């Protein structure tokens, strides 16, 4: 997981995470990774509109955010 997060961070690709907060609440967040540490991801959270720290152990899953495809329409 850490290696993939590093790749997305290096490419400034936003990802969607499912995260469990300290109180057990589970949320879905769209983030842009700014920095990785040994224990956490420091990222811009698009929901809260500020930088946040997410512990690796509390990230339940993550996936790239799919961009809308541009379709070529022949006229």
N, C-alpha and C. Protein backbone atom coordinates (compact mmCIF):
# COMPACT_ATOMS: atom_id res chain seq x y z
N UNK A 1 0.81 -1.19 0.00
CA UNK A 1 0.00 0.00 0.00
C UNK A 1 0.86 1.26 0.00
N UNK A 2 1.90 1.27 0.81
CA UNK A 2 2.74 2.46 0.94
C UNK A 2 3.38 2.82 -0.40
N UNK A 3 3.82 1.80 -1.14
CA UNK A 3 4.48 2.05 -2.42
C UNK A 3 3.52 2.69 -3.43
N UNK A 4 2.28 2.21 -3.46
CA UNK A 4 1.29 2.79 -4.36
C UNK A 4 0.92 4.21 -3.95
N UNK A 5 0.78 4.43 -2.66
CA UNK A 5 0.49 5.79 -2.20
C UNK A 5 1.63 6.74 -2.57
N UNK A 6 2.85 6.25 -2.50
CA UNK A 6 4.01 7.07 -2.88
C UNK A 6 3.93 7.45 -4.36
N UNK A 7 3.52 6.48 -5.19
CA UNK A 7 3.39 6.75 -6.63
C UNK A 7 2.33 7.82 -6.88
N UNK A 8 1.16 7.66 -6.26
CA UNK A 8 0.08 8.64 -6.45
C UNK A 8 0.50 10.01 -5.92
N UNK A 9 1.21 10.04 -4.81
CA UNK A 9 1.69 11.30 -4.27
C UNK A 9 2.68 11.98 -5.20
N UNK A 10 3.60 11.20 -5.75
CA UNK A 10 4.60 11.74 -6.66
C UNK A 10 4.00 12.28 -7.94
N UNK A 11 2.89 11.70 -8.36
CA UNK A 11 2.22 12.14 -9.58
C UNK A 11 1.08 13.12 -9.33
N UNK A 12 0.90 13.48 -8.06
CA UNK A 12 -0.17 14.42 -7.66
C UNK A 12 -1.54 13.93 -8.12
N UNK A 13 -1.70 12.61 -8.16
CA UNK A 13 -2.99 12.00 -8.53
C UNK A 13 -3.86 11.92 -7.28
N UNK A 14 -5.06 12.48 -7.31
CA UNK A 14 -5.93 12.36 -6.14
C UNK A 14 -6.40 10.92 -5.96
N UNK A 15 -6.59 10.53 -4.73
CA UNK A 15 -7.09 9.19 -4.42
C UNK A 15 -8.27 9.31 -3.46
N UNK A 16 -9.08 8.28 -3.47
CA UNK A 16 -10.19 8.19 -2.55
C UNK A 16 -9.84 7.15 -1.49
N UNK A 17 -10.00 7.51 -0.23
CA UNK A 17 -9.71 6.56 0.83
C UNK A 17 -10.96 6.30 1.66
N UNK A 18 -11.02 5.13 2.23
CA UNK A 18 -11.99 4.80 3.26
C UNK A 18 -11.17 4.79 4.54
N UNK A 19 -11.55 5.62 5.49
CA UNK A 19 -10.72 5.87 6.67
C UNK A 19 -11.53 5.69 7.94
N UNK A 20 -10.91 5.07 8.94
CA UNK A 20 -11.55 4.92 10.24
C UNK A 20 -10.89 5.89 11.22
N UNK A 21 -11.68 6.81 11.74
CA UNK A 21 -11.18 7.79 12.71
C UNK A 21 -10.91 7.11 14.05
N UNK A 22 -10.25 7.82 14.94
CA UNK A 22 -9.91 7.27 16.26
C UNK A 22 -11.15 6.81 17.03
N UNK A 23 -12.28 7.50 16.81
CA UNK A 23 -13.50 7.13 17.53
C UNK A 23 -14.28 6.00 16.86
N UNK A 24 -13.75 5.46 15.76
CA UNK A 24 -14.38 4.34 15.08
C UNK A 24 -15.28 4.73 13.92
N UNK A 25 -15.48 6.03 13.72
CA UNK A 25 -16.30 6.50 12.61
C UNK A 25 -15.58 6.23 11.29
N UNK A 26 -16.31 5.71 10.32
CA UNK A 26 -15.73 5.42 9.01
C UNK A 26 -16.19 6.47 8.01
N UNK A 27 -15.23 7.07 7.30
CA UNK A 27 -15.55 8.11 6.32
C UNK A 27 -14.85 7.81 5.01
N UNK A 28 -15.39 8.40 3.97
CA UNK A 28 -14.80 8.32 2.64
C UNK A 28 -14.25 9.71 2.34
N UNK A 29 -12.99 9.78 1.95
CA UNK A 29 -12.33 11.06 1.68
C UNK A 29 -11.62 11.04 0.34
N UNK A 30 -11.67 12.17 -0.35
CA UNK A 30 -10.85 12.38 -1.53
C UNK A 30 -9.66 13.22 -1.08
N UNK A 31 -8.45 12.71 -1.32
CA UNK A 31 -7.25 13.40 -0.85
C UNK A 31 -6.22 13.54 -1.96
N UNK A 32 -5.36 14.51 -1.80
CA UNK A 32 -4.17 14.65 -2.64
C UNK A 32 -2.98 14.54 -1.69
N UNK A 33 -2.14 13.56 -1.93
CA UNK A 33 -1.04 13.25 -1.02
C UNK A 33 0.06 14.31 -1.14
N UNK A 34 0.48 14.82 0.00
CA UNK A 34 1.55 15.81 0.05
C UNK A 34 2.86 15.20 0.53
N UNK A 35 2.77 14.30 1.53
CA UNK A 35 3.97 13.72 2.12
C UNK A 35 3.62 12.39 2.78
N UNK A 36 4.55 11.47 2.75
CA UNK A 36 4.41 10.19 3.44
C UNK A 36 5.45 10.11 4.55
N UNK A 37 5.03 9.66 5.72
CA UNK A 37 5.96 9.43 6.82
C UNK A 37 5.97 7.93 7.11
N UNK A 38 6.69 7.52 8.13
CA UNK A 38 6.73 6.11 8.49
C UNK A 38 5.38 5.59 8.96
N UNK A 39 4.56 6.45 9.54
CA UNK A 39 3.29 6.02 10.12
C UNK A 39 2.05 6.62 9.48
N UNK A 40 2.24 7.65 8.65
CA UNK A 40 1.05 8.35 8.18
C UNK A 40 1.20 8.97 6.80
N UNK A 41 0.06 9.42 6.29
CA UNK A 41 -0.03 10.16 5.03
C UNK A 41 -0.47 11.57 5.39
N UNK A 42 0.28 12.54 4.95
CA UNK A 42 -0.12 13.94 5.11
C UNK A 42 -0.67 14.35 3.75
N UNK A 43 -1.92 14.81 3.75
CA UNK A 43 -2.59 15.05 2.48
C UNK A 43 -3.55 16.22 2.59
N UNK A 44 -3.86 16.78 1.43
CA UNK A 44 -4.93 17.77 1.36
C UNK A 44 -6.23 17.01 1.27
N UNK A 45 -7.14 17.27 2.20
CA UNK A 45 -8.45 16.61 2.23
C UNK A 45 -9.44 17.53 1.52
N UNK A 46 -10.03 17.03 0.44
CA UNK A 46 -10.96 17.84 -0.35
C UNK A 46 -12.29 18.03 0.38
N UNK A 47 -12.63 17.14 1.31
CA UNK A 47 -13.85 17.29 2.10
C UNK A 47 -13.72 18.42 3.11
N UNK A 48 -12.62 18.41 3.88
CA UNK A 48 -12.40 19.41 4.92
C UNK A 48 -11.71 20.68 4.41
N UNK A 49 -11.19 20.60 3.18
CA UNK A 49 -10.50 21.72 2.53
C UNK A 49 -9.31 22.23 3.34
N UNK A 50 -8.55 21.29 3.87
CA UNK A 50 -7.34 21.62 4.63
C UNK A 50 -6.43 20.39 4.64
N UNK A 51 -5.18 20.60 5.06
CA UNK A 51 -4.25 19.48 5.18
C UNK A 51 -4.61 18.64 6.40
N UNK A 52 -4.55 17.32 6.24
CA UNK A 52 -4.88 16.40 7.32
C UNK A 52 -3.83 15.29 7.37
N UNK A 53 -3.75 14.63 8.51
CA UNK A 53 -2.86 13.48 8.68
C UNK A 53 -3.70 12.23 8.84
N UNK A 54 -3.40 11.21 8.04
CA UNK A 54 -4.13 9.94 8.06
C UNK A 54 -3.14 8.83 8.41
N UNK A 55 -3.39 8.11 9.49
CA UNK A 55 -2.53 7.00 9.88
C UNK A 55 -2.72 5.83 8.94
N UNK A 56 -1.62 5.19 8.52
CA UNK A 56 -1.70 4.02 7.64
C UNK A 56 -2.62 2.96 8.21
N UNK A 57 -2.49 2.71 9.52
CA UNK A 57 -3.26 1.63 10.13
C UNK A 57 -4.76 1.88 10.10
N UNK A 58 -5.18 3.14 9.87
CA UNK A 58 -6.60 3.46 9.82
C UNK A 58 -7.15 3.63 8.41
N UNK A 59 -6.27 3.50 7.41
CA UNK A 59 -6.74 3.55 6.02
C UNK A 59 -7.21 2.13 5.67
N UNK A 60 -8.51 1.99 5.48
CA UNK A 60 -9.08 0.67 5.21
C UNK A 60 -8.95 0.29 3.75
N UNK A 61 -9.04 1.27 2.85
CA UNK A 61 -8.84 1.01 1.42
C UNK A 61 -8.58 2.34 0.72
N UNK A 62 -8.06 2.24 -0.49
CA UNK A 62 -7.87 3.43 -1.30
C UNK A 62 -7.93 3.05 -2.77
N UNK A 63 -8.28 4.01 -3.59
CA UNK A 63 -8.36 3.80 -5.04
C UNK A 63 -8.17 5.14 -5.73
N UNK A 64 -7.65 5.12 -6.95
CA UNK A 64 -7.52 6.37 -7.69
C UNK A 64 -8.91 6.93 -8.00
N UNK A 65 -9.00 8.23 -8.08
CA UNK A 65 -10.26 8.85 -8.48
C UNK A 65 -10.30 8.84 -10.00
N UNK A 66 -11.33 8.24 -10.52
CA UNK A 66 -11.44 8.13 -11.97
C UNK A 66 -11.87 9.47 -12.55
N UNK A 67 -11.12 9.88 -13.56
CA UNK A 67 -11.44 11.12 -14.25
C UNK A 67 -12.46 10.81 -15.34
N UNK A 68 -13.37 11.74 -15.60
CA UNK A 68 -14.31 11.51 -16.69
C UNK A 68 -13.59 11.36 -18.02
N UNK A 69 -14.02 10.40 -18.79
CA UNK A 69 -13.38 10.19 -20.09
C UNK A 69 -13.89 11.22 -21.09
N UNK A 70 -12.99 11.69 -21.91
CA UNK A 70 -13.38 12.58 -23.00
C UNK A 70 -13.71 11.67 -24.19
N UNK A 71 -14.91 11.79 -24.65
CA UNK A 71 -15.33 10.96 -25.77
C UNK A 71 -15.28 11.77 -27.05
N UNK A 72 -14.73 11.16 -28.07
CA UNK A 72 -14.71 11.80 -29.39
C UNK A 72 -16.02 11.47 -30.08
N UNK A 73 -16.76 12.49 -30.39
CA UNK A 73 -18.03 12.28 -31.06
C UNK A 73 -17.87 12.71 -32.51
N UNK A 74 -18.07 11.76 -33.38
CA UNK A 74 -17.95 12.06 -34.82
C UNK A 74 -19.28 12.64 -35.30
N UNK A 75 -19.16 13.74 -35.99
CA UNK A 75 -20.38 14.38 -36.52
C UNK A 75 -20.39 14.28 -38.00
